[in-house]
Amino acid sequence: MSDQVALGCKCGAVHGIAREVSRHNGTRGVCYCDDCQAYAHFLGGADLLDRWGGSDIYQMMPKRVSFDAGSKLRCVRLR
């Protein structure tokens, strides 16, 4: 099994890779906060929320994530 996960957006403008992905190098959880739900709707990905409105999250160190294309990568402030 590979410990790398390809990252990208639907339009293909942003892509990269997450390395050393494992249960030992990150934390998985489900978040039900208003911000995570609003962000999913903002991105047009409400279908990614579970039936209770939860977002599946894998949290890892930034040093294990790199992007080789991403001129359209932006931040969003919800509150």
Protein backbone atom coordinates (compact mmCIF):
# COMPACT_ATOMS: atom_id res chain seq x y z
CA MET A 1 0.00 0.00 0.00
CA SER A 2 1.32 3.45 -0.94
CA ASP A 3 1.80 6.07 1.74
CA GLN A 4 1.28 8.89 -0.79
CA VAL A 5 -2.02 10.52 -1.69
CA ALA A 6 -2.52 12.73 -4.73
CA LEU A 7 -4.15 16.09 -4.02
CA GLY A 8 -6.05 18.26 -6.46
CA CYS A 9 -9.09 20.27 -7.32
CA LYS A 10 -11.93 19.52 -9.72
CA CYS A 11 -10.69 21.92 -12.42
CA GLY A 12 -7.11 20.59 -12.28
CA ALA A 13 -5.43 23.96 -11.59
CA VAL A 14 -4.11 22.81 -8.21
CA HIS A 15 -2.35 19.52 -7.62
CA GLY A 16 0.21 18.09 -5.28
CA ILE A 17 0.94 15.18 -3.01
CA ALA A 18 0.64 14.21 0.65
CA ARG A 19 3.51 11.96 1.75
CA GLU A 20 3.85 9.46 4.59
CA VAL A 21 0.09 9.25 5.09
CA SER A 22 -0.62 6.74 7.85
CA ARG A 23 -2.42 6.42 11.15
CA HIS A 24 0.91 7.12 12.87
CA ASN A 25 1.56 10.39 11.04
CA GLY A 26 -1.85 12.01 11.31
CA THR A 27 -5.14 12.17 13.09
CA ARG A 28 -8.51 11.34 11.54
CA GLY A 29 -11.73 12.79 12.82
CA VAL A 30 -15.16 14.02 11.85
CA CYS A 31 -16.02 17.67 12.46
CA TYR A 32 -19.57 18.94 12.85
CA CYS A 33 -18.85 22.65 13.35
CA ASP A 34 -20.70 25.36 11.45
CA ASP A 35 -17.49 26.50 9.72
CA CYS A 36 -16.71 23.09 8.22
CA GLN A 37 -20.29 22.78 6.98
CA ALA A 38 -20.23 26.31 5.52
CA TYR A 39 -16.88 25.62 3.83
CA ALA A 40 -18.18 22.45 2.18
CA HIS A 41 -21.17 24.40 0.84
CA PHE A 42 -18.89 27.26 -0.30
CA LEU A 43 -16.81 24.79 -2.33
CA GLY A 44 -19.90 23.15 -3.81
CA GLY A 45 -19.11 19.93 -1.99
CA ALA A 46 -22.08 19.57 0.33
CA ASP A 47 -22.33 15.98 -0.94
CA LEU A 48 -19.05 15.27 0.89
CA LEU A 49 -20.68 15.82 4.28
CA ASP A 50 -22.06 12.79 6.08
CA ARG A 51 -25.78 12.50 6.75
CA TRP A 52 -25.40 14.49 9.99
CA GLY A 53 -23.39 17.27 8.29
CA GLY A 54 -19.94 16.04 9.37
CA SER A 55 -16.70 16.62 7.46
CA ASP A 56 -14.23 13.74 7.35
CA ILE A 57 -10.82 15.21 8.22
CA TYR A 58 -7.27 13.86 8.19
CA GLN A 59 -4.90 16.23 9.98
CA MET A 60 -1.16 16.02 9.28
CA MET A 61 2.04 18.05 9.42
CA PRO A 62 2.39 20.67 6.64
CA LYS A 63 5.92 19.45 5.86
CA ARG A 64 4.39 16.28 4.38
CA VAL A 65 2.29 18.21 1.85
CA SER A 66 3.63 19.81 -1.33
CA PHE A 67 2.05 21.36 -4.40
CA ASP A 68 3.55 21.35 -7.89
CA ALA A 69 0.81 23.52 -9.37
CA GLY A 70 -1.44 25.90 -7.57
CA SER A 71 -1.58 29.40 -8.91
CA LYS A 72 -5.28 29.43 -7.98
CA LEU A 73 -4.80 28.20 -4.42
CA ARG A 74 -6.54 30.68 -2.11
CA CYS A 75 -7.78 31.11 1.45
CA VAL A 76 -11.33 31.66 2.60
CA ARG A 77 -12.33 33.42 5.81
CA LEU A 78 -15.72 32.28 7.07
CA ARG A 79 -16.01 34.44 10.20
